[in-house]
């Protein structure tokens, strides 16, 4: 077992490297350009929604108030006629600073938990490949598997989910490689 305190450098460095890798994947490479499409008549749709002053939050349309109401013919007709929408209403400001700070903190938390799991499973002096395998798998699971239910339940594009799973694989390898490289020798 490795004391978690001896892993502070690989935890911090892996979070920084994942942060850099994520910026490259999302801002330099074009793989995420197809994640979201524009709605037809964007201006008209925005103007129509603006009239309702919908508070910030997550919404479903139509939404049944209970499980039994999902069997109501009126609700079923609304579903059939469509459109069926799952949406998040956000503020009009998109300030990158706070968002990037939250993303880095998330990367740091994932790196901490991956290091913790690895420190419980492996001894000091464990081989690079052994550390990398466990840490990469845990990193991939942490960054990626939570995306899959979005495609299952809310019909988010499987293509988008696949691209985020690719990102998660890269992030997992970055964490695994960093922990394997800086794993305590004794």
Foldseek 3Di string as FASTA:
>chain_A
DAPLVLCPVLLLVLLVVLLVLVCCLPPPDCLCVPQDDADPPNVVVVVVVVVVVDDFAKDWPPDQPDPVSCPPPVNVVDVVVDDIDIDGDDDPDDDVVVVSVVSSVLSSVLLSVLSVVLRVVDDAQDALVVQLVSQLVSQLCSQAPVCVVCCVPVVRDVSNSVSSSVSSNVSSNSSSNSCSVSGHND
